[in-house]
Amino acid sequence: MFDKKTILITGGTGSFGRKFLRMTLERYTPARIIVYSRDEMKQYELEKELSSHPKYSLLRFFLGDVRDRDRLHTALRGVDYVVHAAALKIVPLAEYNPFESVKTNVLGAMNVIDCAIDAGVQRVVALSTDKACNPINLYGATKLCSDKMFVAGNSYGGAAGPRFAVVRYGNVMGSRGSVIPLFLQLAKTGTLPITDERMTRFMITLEQGVELVWHAFENMEGGEIYVKKIPSMKVTDIARVIAPDAKHEVIGIRPGEKLHEQMISGEDSYHSYEYPGYYKILPALHRWSEDPGRIADGKRCADGFCYSSDTNAEWMAPEELRAWLQRNPIT
């Protein structure tokens, strides 16, 4: 799929971008992979880290921000596929810095769409989050807005324009700013902060996230939101795996935080279809949710179906998380 194609990753030095880069280089031989991000030190460190990679010559590094339309326009020249992973994603920081979150997550998404159309890109997959489903915090609201724009981007581009799709998943195990690195950091203090003992979260590995993006590129007709089937886990169980002897201090839910996460709401259910390993939310725009090409062999979800972390049919056992941590040590 990616062989002899040029791929650009916005936010390419983040947790997902780095994993996508390595896995794609292992599986494919693209013409180029462009890492587009704004942090010069992270780019410098990533370039140095990959300098001995046998496919290093395929890499390009572009300093730039998705807020900067002109720089993005230059970076997208000759690009075939775009993975849009750039975002401001830490929930409390978004609550206290709303203007900055809108500039990156909303206006940045708009720039990616506009520039992809202008540059003649073939396909774009944008990363979303469970927090975009029935959002109660600003981060989720900005990502819902972004999702809506990427779905509508298929109309803006016209029949010959780029195809846009979205992938949505939950808490990425071990990613920067997530609960596992936080608990590991605080484990030595003997006390772990628990927002609420009832709290649950979806759990997904970076590898699963990359594979879902690959699948979206291959499967998309345009306008789909792909939702990976993944297990849930109670936050208290995560804490017990990481620090079995630590005390739990209940500190209350932070600004904008949910008790449980959703990835498909009851309102989404009327346009949602189930497949082995994932769900697909089809857009109501232009009756696309009735398009046989987008539905393919999907099974329509029941009216009112809700994919939520507390009512999930699949749960991650503590020993599974313990085994994952042994295979993926976090420093």
C-alpha atoms as a PDB file:
ATOM      1  CA  MET A   1       0.000   0.000   0.000  1.00  0.00           C
ATOM      2  CA  PHE A   2       2.718   2.492   0.945  1.00  0.00           C
ATOM      3  CA  ASP A   3       5.458   1.135  -1.308  1.00  0.00           C
ATOM      4  CA  LYS A   4       6.922   3.930  -3.470  1.00  0.00           C
ATOM      5  CA  LYS A   5       4.498   6.425  -1.904  1.00  0.00           C
ATOM      6  CA  THR A   6       5.328   9.565   0.060  1.00  0.00           C
ATOM      7  CA  ILE A   7       3.845   9.770   3.557  1.00  0.00           C
ATOM      8  CA  LEU A   8       3.755  12.783   5.877  1.00  0.00           C
ATOM      9  CA  ILE A   9       3.069  12.487   9.620  1.00  0.00           C
ATOM     10  CA  THR A  10       2.024  15.606  11.511  1.00  0.00           C
ATOM     11  CA  GLY A  11       3.122  15.363  15.130  1.00  0.00           C
ATOM     12  CA  GLY A  12       5.647  12.829  13.889  1.00  0.00           C
ATOM     13  CA  THR A  13       7.897  13.016  16.961  1.00  0.00           C
ATOM     14  CA  GLY A  14       5.094  12.082  19.394  1.00  0.00           C
ATOM     15  CA  SER A  15       4.502   8.614  20.833  1.00  0.00           C
ATOM     16  CA  PHE A  16       2.237   7.526  17.986  1.00  0.00           C
ATOM     17  CA  GLY A  17       4.325   9.181  15.257  1.00  0.00           C
ATOM     18  CA  ARG A  18       7.502   7.431  16.354  1.00  0.00           C
ATOM     19  CA  LYS A  19       5.805   4.025  16.502  1.00  0.00           C
ATOM     20  CA  PHE A  20       4.092   4.564  13.128  1.00  0.00           C
ATOM     21  CA  LEU A  21       7.425   5.530  11.603  1.00  0.00           C
ATOM     22  CA  ARG A  22       9.258   2.436  12.831  1.00  0.00           C
ATOM     23  CA  MET A  23       6.477  -0.038  12.013  1.00  0.00           C
ATOM     24  CA  THR A  24       5.916   1.413   8.542  1.00  0.00           C
ATOM     25  CA  LEU A  25       9.627   1.264   7.737  1.00  0.00           C
ATOM     26  CA  GLU A  26       9.682  -2.376   8.852  1.00  0.00           C
ATOM     27  CA  ARG A  27       6.705  -3.406   6.724  1.00  0.00           C
ATOM     28  CA  TYR A  28       6.871  -1.114   3.674  1.00  0.00           C
ATOM     29  CA  THR A  29       9.364   0.630   1.414  1.00  0.00           C
ATOM     30  CA  PRO A  30       7.894   4.078   0.807  1.00  0.00           C
ATOM     31  CA  ALA A  31       9.516   6.673  -1.425  1.00  0.00           C
ATOM     32  CA  ARG A  32       9.765   9.039   1.561  1.00  0.00           C
ATOM     33  CA  ILE A  33       8.390   9.495   5.050  1.00  0.00           C
ATOM     34  CA  ILE A  34       8.254  13.118   6.185  1.00  0.00           C
ATOM     35  CA  VAL A  35       8.250  13.831   9.918  1.00  0.00           C
ATOM     36  CA  TYR A  36       6.449  17.153  10.425  1.00  0.00           C
ATOM     37  CA  SER A  37       6.556  18.606  13.945  1.00  0.00           C
ATOM     38  CA  ARG A  38       7.398  21.806  15.782  1.00  0.00           C
ATOM     39  CA  ASP A  39       9.887  20.619  18.432  1.00  0.00           C
ATOM     40  CA  GLU A  40      13.422  20.927  17.064  1.00  0.00           C
ATOM     41  CA  MET A  41      15.026  18.960  19.922  1.00  0.00           C
ATOM     42  CA  LYS A  42      12.689  15.992  19.480  1.00  0.00           C
ATOM     43  CA  GLN A  43      13.368  16.018  15.744  1.00  0.00           C
ATOM     44  CA  TYR A  44      17.104  16.170  16.345  1.00  0.00           C
ATOM     45  CA  GLU A  45      16.953  13.269  18.819  1.00  0.00           C
ATOM     46  CA  LEU A  46      14.720  11.158  16.552  1.00  0.00           C
ATOM     47  CA  GLU A  47      16.935  11.750  13.529  1.00  0.00           C
ATOM     48  CA  LYS A  48      20.019  10.779  15.554  1.00  0.00           C
ATOM     49  CA  GLU A  49      18.216   7.699  16.919  1.00  0.00           C
ATOM     50  CA  LEU A  50      17.318   6.501  13.417  1.00  0.00           C
ATOM     51  CA  SER A  51      20.581   7.456  11.721  1.00  0.00           C
ATOM     52  CA  SER A  52      21.754   3.816  11.651  1.00  0.00           C
ATOM     53  CA  HIS A  53      18.440   2.443  10.383  1.00  0.00           C
ATOM     54  CA  PRO A  54      18.839   0.644   7.026  1.00  0.00           C
ATOM     55  CA  LYS A  55      16.042   2.809   5.541  1.00  0.00           C
ATOM     56  CA  TYR A  56      17.268   6.087   7.038  1.00  0.00           C
ATOM     57  CA  SER A  57      17.707   7.585   3.563  1.00  0.00           C
ATOM     58  CA  LEU A  58      13.918   7.503   3.106  1.00  0.00           C
ATOM     59  CA  LEU A  59      13.341   9.923   5.999  1.00  0.00           C
ATOM     60  CA  ARG A  60      12.855  13.677   5.824  1.00  0.00           C
ATOM     61  CA  PHE A  61      12.422  16.043   8.765  1.00  0.00           C
ATOM     62  CA  PHE A  62      10.372  19.228   8.459  1.00  0.00           C
ATOM     63  CA  LEU A  63      10.146  21.728  11.308  1.00  0.00           C
ATOM     64  CA  GLY A  64       6.698  23.244  11.259  1.00  0.00           C
ATOM     65  CA  ASP A  65       3.402  23.721  13.074  1.00  0.00           C
ATOM     66  CA  VAL A  66      -0.029  22.707  11.785  1.00  0.00           C
ATOM     67  CA  ARG A  67      -1.101  26.223  12.753  1.00  0.00           C
ATOM     68  CA  ASP A  68       1.206  27.538   9.996  1.00  0.00           C
ATOM     69  CA  ARG A  69      -0.708  27.045   6.758  1.00  0.00           C
ATOM     70  CA  ASP A  70       2.097  28.278   4.498  1.00  0.00           C
ATOM     71  CA  ARG A  71       4.676  25.902   5.968  1.00  0.00           C
ATOM     72  CA  LEU A  72       2.208  23.009   5.815  1.00  0.00           C
ATOM     73  CA  HIS A  73       1.459  23.821   2.175  1.00  0.00           C
ATOM     74  CA  THR A  74       5.178  23.588   1.370  1.00  0.00           C
ATOM     75  CA  ALA A  75       5.617  20.330   3.303  1.00  0.00           C
ATOM     76  CA  LEU A  76       2.724  18.625   1.470  1.00  0.00           C
ATOM     77  CA  ARG A  77       4.108  19.061  -2.017  1.00  0.00           C
ATOM     78  CA  GLY A  78       4.326  15.650  -3.684  1.00  0.00           C
ATOM     79  CA  VAL A  79       2.804  13.834  -0.685  1.00  0.00           C
ATOM     80  CA  ASP A  80       0.462  10.870  -1.322  1.00  0.00           C
ATOM     81  CA  TYR A  81      -0.704   9.980   2.205  1.00  0.00           C
ATOM     82  CA  VAL A  82      -1.044  12.030   5.395  1.00  0.00           C
ATOM     83  CA  VAL A  83      -1.364  10.825   8.984  1.00  0.00           C
ATOM     84  CA  HIS A  84      -2.604  13.708  11.124  1.00  0.00           C
ATOM     85  CA  ALA A  85      -1.414  12.984  14.662  1.00  0.00           C
ATOM     86  CA  ALA A  86      -0.558  16.508  15.859  1.00  0.00           C
ATOM     87  CA  ALA A  87      -2.699  17.679  18.794  1.00  0.00           C
ATOM     88  CA  LEU A  88      -2.700  19.297  22.212  1.00  0.00           C
ATOM     89  CA  LYS A  89      -4.200  16.446  24.209  1.00  0.00           C
ATOM     90  CA  ILE A  90      -3.725  16.854  27.980  1.00  0.00           C
ATOM     91  CA  VAL A  91      -7.238  17.427  29.326  1.00  0.00           C
ATOM     92  CA  PRO A  92      -6.552  19.800  32.284  1.00  0.00           C
ATOM     93  CA  LEU A  93      -4.161  21.932  30.233  1.00  0.00           C
ATOM     94  CA  ALA A  94      -6.791  22.304  27.523  1.00  0.00           C
ATOM     95  CA  GLU A  95      -9.300  23.506  30.138  1.00  0.00           C
ATOM     96  CA  TYR A  96      -6.940  26.250  31.256  1.00  0.00           C
ATOM     97  CA  ASN A  97      -5.570  27.103  27.775  1.00  0.00           C
ATOM     98  CA  PRO A  98      -8.629  26.892  25.513  1.00  0.00           C
ATOM     99  CA  PHE A  99      -7.446  29.340  22.853  1.00  0.00           C
ATOM    100  CA  GLU A 100      -4.234  27.365  22.290  1.00  0.00           C
ATOM    101  CA  SER A 101      -6.134  24.075  22.035  1.00  0.00           C
ATOM    102  CA  VAL A 102      -8.501  25.522  19.426  1.00  0.00           C
ATOM    103  CA  LYS A 103      -5.593  26.901  17.393  1.00  0.00           C
ATOM    104  CA  THR A 104      -3.907  23.496  17.153  1.00  0.00           C
ATOM    105  CA  ASN A 105      -6.770  20.992  17.270  1.00  0.00           C
ATOM    106  CA  VAL A 106      -9.366  22.889  15.231  1.00  0.00           C
ATOM    107  CA  LEU A 107      -7.605  25.470  13.069  1.00  0.00           C
ATOM    108  CA  GLY A 108      -4.659  23.098  12.576  1.00  0.00           C
ATOM    109  CA  ALA A 109      -7.042  20.388  11.344  1.00  0.00           C
ATOM    110  CA  MET A 110      -8.612  22.882   8.946  1.00  0.00           C
ATOM    111  CA  ASN A 111      -5.158  23.732   7.587  1.00  0.00           C
ATOM    112  CA  VAL A 112      -4.358  20.047   7.039  1.00  0.00           C
ATOM    113  CA  ILE A 113      -7.599  19.575   5.090  1.00  0.00           C
ATOM    114  CA  ASP A 114      -7.184  22.704   2.963  1.00  0.00           C
ATOM    115  CA  CYS A 115      -3.533  22.039   2.176  1.00  0.00           C
ATOM    116  CA  ALA A 116      -4.156  18.359   1.409  1.00  0.00           C
ATOM    117  CA  ILE A 117      -6.805  19.365  -1.147  1.00  0.00           C
ATOM    118  CA  ASP A 118      -4.537  22.021  -2.680  1.00  0.00           C
ATOM    119  CA  ALA A 119      -1.570  19.620  -2.871  1.00  0.00           C
ATOM    120  CA  GLY A 120      -3.553  16.772  -4.474  1.00  0.00           C
ATOM    121  CA  VAL A 121      -2.927  14.309  -1.610  1.00  0.00           C
ATOM    122  CA  GLN A 122      -4.603  10.933  -2.167  1.00  0.00           C
ATOM    123  CA  ARG A 123      -5.663   9.926   1.357  1.00  0.00           C
ATOM    124  CA  VAL A 124      -5.634  11.433   4.857  1.00  0.00           C
ATOM    125  CA  VAL A 125      -6.263   9.614   8.153  1.00  0.00           C
ATOM    126  CA  ALA A 126      -6.714  11.750  11.267  1.00  0.00           C
ATOM    127  CA  LEU A 127      -6.282  10.470  14.819  1.00  0.00           C
ATOM    128  CA  SER A 128      -9.185  11.083  17.179  1.00  0.00           C
ATOM    129  CA  THR A 129      -9.937  10.088  20.764  1.00  0.00           C
ATOM    130  CA  ASP A 130     -12.648   8.542  22.908  1.00  0.00           C
ATOM    131  CA  LYS A 131     -13.056  12.009  24.434  1.00  0.00           C
ATOM    132  CA  ALA A 132     -14.572  13.229  21.134  1.00  0.00           C
ATOM    133  CA  CYS A 133     -17.647  11.054  21.779  1.00  0.00           C
ATOM    134  CA  ASN A 134     -20.227  13.070  23.789  1.00  0.00           C
ATOM    135  CA  PRO A 135     -17.458  15.470  24.923  1.00  0.00           C
ATOM    136  CA  ILE A 136     -17.592  17.176  28.303  1.00  0.00           C
ATOM    137  CA  ASN A 137     -14.117  18.748  28.142  1.00  0.00           C
ATOM    138  CA  LEU A 138     -12.534  21.206  25.751  1.00  0.00           C
ATOM    139  CA  TYR A 139     -10.043  18.685  24.361  1.00  0.00           C
ATOM    140  CA  GLY A 140     -12.892  16.343  23.432  1.00  0.00           C
ATOM    141  CA  ALA A 141     -14.896  19.220  21.941  1.00  0.00           C
ATOM    142  CA  THR A 142     -11.984  20.315  19.749  1.00  0.00           C
ATOM    143  CA  LYS A 143     -11.415  16.746  18.557  1.00  0.00           C
ATOM    144  CA  LEU A 144     -15.127  16.279  17.789  1.00  0.00           C
ATOM    145  CA  CYS A 145     -14.955  19.474  15.742  1.00  0.00           C
ATOM    146  CA  SER A 146     -11.850  18.122  13.997  1.00  0.00           C
ATOM    147  CA  ASP A 147     -13.603  14.785  13.273  1.00  0.00           C
ATOM    148  CA  LYS A 148     -16.569  16.601  11.732  1.00  0.00           C
ATOM    149  CA  MET A 149     -14.258  18.653   9.519  1.00  0.00           C
ATOM    150  CA  PHE A 150     -12.349  15.621   8.260  1.00  0.00           C
ATOM    151  CA  VAL A 151     -15.634  13.863   7.424  1.00  0.00           C
ATOM    152  CA  ALA A 152     -16.921  16.937   5.572  1.00  0.00           C
ATOM    153  CA  GLY A 153     -13.521  17.334   3.872  1.00  0.00           C
ATOM    154  CA  ASN A 154     -14.596  14.589   1.466  1.00  0.00           C
ATOM    155  CA  SER A 155     -17.198  17.011   0.074  1.00  0.00           C
ATOM    156  CA  TYR A 156     -14.803  19.956  -0.037  1.00  0.00           C
ATOM    157  CA  GLY A 157     -12.310  17.967  -2.094  1.00  0.00           C
ATOM    158  CA  GLY A 158     -14.894  16.819  -4.629  1.00  0.00           C
ATOM    159  CA  ALA A 159     -14.913  13.553  -6.537  1.00  0.00           C
ATOM    160  CA  ALA A 160     -11.259  13.838  -7.552  1.00  0.00           C
ATOM    161  CA  GLY A 161     -10.027  15.204  -4.216  1.00  0.00           C
ATOM    162  CA  PRO A 162      -8.383  13.473  -1.270  1.00  0.00           C
ATOM    163  CA  ARG A 163     -10.273  10.864   0.742  1.00  0.00           C
ATOM    164  CA  PHE A 164     -10.444  11.685   4.463  1.00  0.00           C
ATOM    165  CA  ALA A 165     -11.152   9.276   7.346  1.00  0.00           C
ATOM    166  CA  VAL A 166     -10.731   9.211  11.120  1.00  0.00           C
ATOM    167  CA  VAL A 167      -9.569   6.582  13.622  1.00  0.00           C
ATOM    168  CA  ARG A 168     -10.792   6.760  17.218  1.00  0.00           C
ATOM    169  CA  TYR A 169      -9.363   4.859  20.183  1.00  0.00           C
ATOM    170  CA  GLY A 170      -8.891   5.103  23.917  1.00  0.00           C
ATOM    171  CA  ASN A 171      -6.038   5.382  26.401  1.00  0.00           C
ATOM    172  CA  VAL A 172      -2.773   4.468  24.652  1.00  0.00           C
ATOM    173  CA  MET A 173      -0.763   2.317  27.040  1.00  0.00           C
ATOM    174  CA  GLY A 174       2.517   3.982  27.917  1.00  0.00           C
ATOM    175  CA  SER A 175       2.062   7.114  25.811  1.00  0.00           C
ATOM    176  CA  ARG A 176       3.288  10.466  27.094  1.00  0.00           C
ATOM    177  CA  GLY A 177       0.886  12.082  29.562  1.00  0.00           C
ATOM    178  CA  SER A 178      -1.121   8.889  30.130  1.00  0.00           C
ATOM    179  CA  VAL A 179      -1.868   7.145  33.415  1.00  0.00           C
ATOM    180  CA  ILE A 180       0.727   4.324  33.268  1.00  0.00           C
ATOM    181  CA  PRO A 181       3.838   6.561  33.077  1.00  0.00           C
ATOM    182  CA  LEU A 182       2.306   8.783  35.765  1.00  0.00           C
ATOM    183  CA  PHE A 183       1.776   5.866  38.158  1.00  0.00           C
ATOM    184  CA  LEU A 184       5.259   4.504  37.445  1.00  0.00           C
ATOM    185  CA  GLN A 185       6.731   7.901  38.261  1.00  0.00           C
ATOM    186  CA  LEU A 186       4.800   8.188  41.526  1.00  0.00           C
ATOM    187  CA  ALA A 187       5.121   4.543  42.625  1.00  0.00           C
ATOM    188  CA  LYS A 188       8.284   5.244  44.647  1.00  0.00           C
ATOM    189  CA  THR A 189       6.375   7.751  46.819  1.00  0.00           C
ATOM    190  CA  GLY A 190       4.160   4.957  48.154  1.00  0.00           C
ATOM    191  CA  THR A 191       0.941   6.804  47.276  1.00  0.00           C
ATOM    192  CA  LEU A 192      -0.934   6.920  43.971  1.00  0.00           C
ATOM    193  CA  PRO A 193      -3.615   9.539  43.225  1.00  0.00           C
ATOM    194  CA  ILE A 194      -6.933   7.983  42.165  1.00  0.00           C
ATOM    195  CA  THR A 195      -9.540  10.372  40.805  1.00  0.00           C
ATOM    196  CA  ASP A 196     -12.437   7.996  41.490  1.00  0.00           C
ATOM    197  CA  GLU A 197     -12.417   4.310  42.471  1.00  0.00           C
ATOM    198  CA  ARG A 198     -15.166   3.550  39.905  1.00  0.00           C
ATOM    199  CA  MET A 199     -13.245   5.030  36.972  1.00  0.00           C
ATOM    200  CA  THR A 200     -12.647   2.848  33.879  1.00  0.00           C
ATOM    201  CA  ARG A 201     -10.632   3.400  30.719  1.00  0.00           C
ATOM    202  CA  PHE A 202     -10.206   1.732  27.334  1.00  0.00           C
ATOM    203  CA  MET A 203      -6.714   0.261  26.809  1.00  0.00           C
ATOM    204  CA  ILE A 204      -4.887   0.052  23.482  1.00  0.00           C
ATOM    205  CA  THR A 205      -1.237  -0.443  22.526  1.00  0.00           C
ATOM    206  CA  LEU A 206       0.596   1.822  20.108  1.00  0.00           C
ATOM    207  CA  GLU A 207       1.026  -1.167  17.780  1.00  0.00           C
ATOM    208  CA  GLN A 208      -2.749  -1.667  17.644  1.00  0.00           C
ATOM    209  CA  GLY A 209      -3.211   2.035  16.955  1.00  0.00           C
ATOM    210  CA  VAL A 210      -0.798   1.916  14.003  1.00  0.00           C
ATOM    211  CA  GLU A 211      -2.479  -1.199  12.604  1.00  0.00           C
ATOM    212  CA  LEU A 212      -5.873   0.553  12.773  1.00  0.00           C
ATOM    213  CA  VAL A 213      -4.465   3.497  10.792  1.00  0.00           C
ATOM    214  CA  TRP A 214      -3.046   1.105   8.196  1.00  0.00           C
ATOM    215  CA  HIS A 215      -6.439  -0.566   7.932  1.00  0.00           C
ATOM    216  CA  ALA A 216      -8.199   2.788   7.532  1.00  0.00           C
ATOM    217  CA  PHE A 217      -5.923   3.761   4.644  1.00  0.00           C
ATOM    218  CA  GLU A 218      -6.623   0.470   2.920  1.00  0.00           C
ATOM    219  CA  ASN A 219     -10.357   0.236   3.617  1.00  0.00           C
ATOM    220  CA  MET A 220     -11.650   3.835   3.464  1.00  0.00           C
ATOM    221  CA  GLU A 221     -14.044   5.227   0.891  1.00  0.00           C
ATOM    222  CA  GLY A 222     -14.062   8.578   2.686  1.00  0.00           C
ATOM    223  CA  GLY A 223     -15.879   9.909   5.749  1.00  0.00           C
ATOM    224  CA  GLU A 224     -15.600   6.848   8.006  1.00  0.00           C
ATOM    225  CA  ILE A 225     -14.690   6.901  11.699  1.00  0.00           C
ATOM    226  CA  TYR A 226     -12.939   3.628  12.623  1.00  0.00           C
ATOM    227  CA  VAL A 227     -13.247   2.462  16.237  1.00  0.00           C
ATOM    228  CA  LYS A 228     -10.988  -0.350  17.428  1.00  0.00           C
ATOM    229  CA  LYS A 229     -12.458  -3.060  19.667  1.00  0.00           C
ATOM    230  CA  ILE A 230     -10.232  -2.926  22.741  1.00  0.00           C
ATOM    231  CA  PRO A 231     -10.474  -4.017  26.395  1.00  0.00           C
ATOM    232  CA  SER A 232     -11.352  -1.864  29.383  1.00  0.00           C
ATOM    233  CA  MET A 233      -9.674  -1.715  32.768  1.00  0.00           C
ATOM    234  CA  LYS A 234     -10.431  -0.107  36.113  1.00  0.00           C
ATOM    235  CA  VAL A 235      -7.943   2.595  37.052  1.00  0.00           C
ATOM    236  CA  THR A 236      -7.598   1.030  40.514  1.00  0.00           C
ATOM    237  CA  ASP A 237      -6.503  -2.255  38.887  1.00  0.00           C
ATOM    238  CA  ILE A 238      -3.894  -0.386  36.842  1.00  0.00           C
ATOM    239  CA  ALA A 239      -2.576   1.136  40.059  1.00  0.00           C
ATOM    240  CA  ARG A 240      -2.391  -2.247  41.820  1.00  0.00           C
ATOM    241  CA  VAL A 241      -0.406  -3.771  38.952  1.00  0.00           C
ATOM    242  CA  ILE A 242       2.120  -0.932  38.913  1.00  0.00           C
ATOM    243  CA  ALA A 243       2.514  -0.497  42.676  1.00  0.00           C
ATOM    244  CA  PRO A 244       0.819  -3.335  44.610  1.00  0.00           C
ATOM    245  CA  ASP A 245       1.754  -1.946  48.016  1.00  0.00           C
ATOM    246  CA  ALA A 246       1.025   1.721  47.353  1.00  0.00           C
ATOM    247  CA  LYS A 247      -1.800   3.535  49.096  1.00  0.00           C
ATOM    248  CA  HIS A 248      -4.581   5.030  46.976  1.00  0.00           C
ATOM    249  CA  GLU A 249      -5.454   8.662  47.613  1.00  0.00           C
ATOM    250  CA  VAL A 250      -8.825   9.599  46.113  1.00  0.00           C
ATOM    251  CA  ILE A 251      -8.413  13.163  44.822  1.00  0.00           C
ATOM    252  CA  GLY A 252     -11.645  13.625  42.854  1.00  0.00           C
ATOM    253  CA  ILE A 253     -12.242  13.996  39.139  1.00  0.00           C
ATOM    254  CA  ARG A 254     -10.124  16.683  37.499  1.00  0.00           C
ATOM    255  CA  PRO A 255     -11.635  19.504  35.411  1.00  0.00           C
ATOM    256  CA  GLY A 256     -13.113  18.052  32.224  1.00  0.00           C
ATOM    257  CA  GLU A 257     -12.503  14.413  33.184  1.00  0.00           C
ATOM    258  CA  LYS A 258     -15.051  11.625  32.636  1.00  0.00           C
ATOM    259  CA  LEU A 259     -15.785   8.728  34.971  1.00  0.00           C
ATOM    260  CA  HIS A 260     -16.073   6.345  31.998  1.00  0.00           C
ATOM    261  CA  GLU A 261     -15.133   6.804  28.352  1.00  0.00           C
ATOM    262  CA  GLN A 262     -17.303   6.292  25.278  1.00  0.00           C
ATOM    263  CA  MET A 263     -16.239   5.728  21.675  1.00  0.00           C
ATOM    264  CA  ILE A 264     -19.683   5.181  20.137  1.00  0.00           C
ATOM    265  CA  SER A 265     -22.710   6.958  21.580  1.00  0.00           C
ATOM    266  CA  GLY A 266     -26.355   5.987  21.314  1.00  0.00           C
ATOM    267  CA  GLU A 267     -26.757   8.763  18.761  1.00  0.00           C
ATOM    268  CA  ASP A 268     -23.896   7.311  16.671  1.00  0.00           C
ATOM    269  CA  SER A 269     -25.473   3.852  16.739  1.00  0.00           C
ATOM    270  CA  TYR A 270     -27.906   4.589  13.898  1.00  0.00           C
ATOM    271  CA  HIS A 271     -24.978   4.954  11.501  1.00  0.00           C
ATOM    272  CA  SER A 272     -22.578   2.394  13.044  1.00  0.00           C
ATOM    273  CA  TYR A 273     -21.569  -1.040  11.744  1.00  0.00           C
ATOM    274  CA  GLU A 274     -19.670  -3.887  13.358  1.00  0.00           C
ATOM    275  CA  TYR A 275     -16.783  -5.809  11.782  1.00  0.00           C
ATOM    276  CA  PRO A 276     -14.303  -8.355  13.141  1.00  0.00           C
ATOM    277  CA  GLY A 277     -11.989  -6.341  15.378  1.00  0.00           C
ATOM    278  CA  TYR A 278     -13.533  -2.893  14.928  1.00  0.00           C
ATOM    279  CA  TYR A 279     -16.609  -0.726  14.396  1.00  0.00           C
ATOM    280  CA  LYS A 280     -17.192   1.870  11.715  1.00  0.00           C
ATOM    281  CA  ILE A 281     -19.271   5.034  12.181  1.00  0.00           C
ATOM    282  CA  LEU A 282     -20.515   6.229   8.807  1.00  0.00           C
ATOM    283  CA  PRO A 283     -21.434   9.858   8.150  1.00  0.00           C
ATOM    284  CA  ALA A 284     -25.038  10.946   7.828  1.00  0.00           C
ATOM    285  CA  LEU A 285     -23.940  13.517   5.221  1.00  0.00           C
ATOM    286  CA  HIS A 286     -25.310  12.874   1.715  1.00  0.00           C
ATOM    287  CA  ARG A 287     -26.786   9.556   2.973  1.00  0.00           C
ATOM    288  CA  TRP A 288     -23.254   8.112   2.996  1.00  0.00           C
ATOM    289  CA  SER A 289     -24.273   5.881   5.901  1.00  0.00           C
ATOM    290  CA  GLU A 290     -26.398   3.917   3.400  1.00  0.00           C
ATOM    291  CA  ASP A 291     -23.625   3.575   0.809  1.00  0.00           C
ATOM    292  CA  PRO A 292     -22.985  -0.158   0.091  1.00  0.00           C
ATOM    293  CA  GLY A 293     -19.310   0.545  -0.647  1.00  0.00           C
ATOM    294  CA  ARG A 294     -18.782   2.044   2.808  1.00  0.00           C
ATOM    295  CA  ILE A 295     -20.863  -0.617   4.574  1.00  0.00           C
ATOM    296  CA  ALA A 296     -19.391  -3.633   2.723  1.00  0.00           C
ATOM    297  CA  ASP A 297     -19.886  -6.713   4.929  1.00  0.00           C
ATOM    298  CA  GLY A 298     -20.620  -4.760   8.120  1.00  0.00           C
ATOM    299  CA  LYS A 299     -23.395  -5.709  10.521  1.00  0.00           C
ATOM    300  CA  ARG A 300     -25.596  -2.794  11.574  1.00  0.00           C
ATOM    301  CA  CYS A 301     -25.324  -1.999  15.300  1.00  0.00           C
ATOM    302  CA  ALA A 302     -28.514  -2.083  17.330  1.00  0.00           C
ATOM    303  CA  ASP A 303     -30.319   1.228  17.812  1.00  0.00           C
ATOM    304  CA  GLY A 304     -29.073   2.845  20.993  1.00  0.00           C
ATOM    305  CA  PHE A 305     -25.863   0.776  21.087  1.00  0.00           C
ATOM    306  CA  CYS A 306     -23.204   2.481  23.185  1.00  0.00           C
ATOM    307  CA  TYR A 307     -19.547   1.430  23.226  1.00  0.00           C
ATOM    308  CA  SER A 308     -18.462   2.517  26.695  1.00  0.00           C
ATOM    309  CA  SER A 309     -15.540   1.513  28.921  1.00  0.00           C
ATOM    310  CA  ASP A 310     -17.785   0.534  31.847  1.00  0.00           C
ATOM    311  CA  THR A 311     -20.164  -1.712  29.845  1.00  0.00           C
ATOM    312  CA  ASN A 312     -17.507  -3.155  27.539  1.00  0.00           C
ATOM    313  CA  ALA A 313     -17.705  -6.909  26.924  1.00  0.00           C
ATOM    314  CA  GLU A 314     -13.899  -7.236  26.962  1.00  0.00           C
ATOM    315  CA  TRP A 315     -11.718  -6.505  30.010  1.00  0.00           C
ATOM    316  CA  MET A 316      -7.965  -6.572  30.474  1.00  0.00           C
ATOM    317  CA  ALA A 317      -6.896  -8.779  33.359  1.00  0.00           C
ATOM    318  CA  PRO A 318      -4.183  -7.467  35.724  1.00  0.00           C
ATOM    319  CA  GLU A 319      -1.801 -10.271  34.641  1.00  0.00           C
ATOM    320  CA  GLU A 320      -2.173  -9.153  31.004  1.00  0.00           C
ATOM    321  CA  LEU A 321      -1.099  -5.617  31.896  1.00  0.00           C
ATOM    322  CA  ARG A 322       1.737  -6.988  34.038  1.00  0.00           C
ATOM    323  CA  ALA A 323       2.975  -9.100  31.106  1.00  0.00           C
ATOM    324  CA  TRP A 324       2.737  -6.110  28.761  1.00  0.00           C
ATOM    325  CA  LEU A 325       4.808  -3.968  31.137  1.00  0.00           C
ATOM    326  CA  GLN A 326       7.494  -6.656  31.267  1.00  0.00           C
ATOM    327  CA  ARG A 327       7.668  -6.704  27.460  1.00  0.00           C
ATOM    328  CA  ASN A 328       7.525  -2.907  27.180  1.00  0.00           C
ATOM    329  CA  PRO A 329       9.536  -1.353  30.014  1.00  0.00           C
ATOM    330  CA  ILE A 330       8.809   2.377  30.386  1.00  0.00           C
ATOM    331  CA  THR A 331      11.654   4.579  31.549  1.00  0.00           C
END
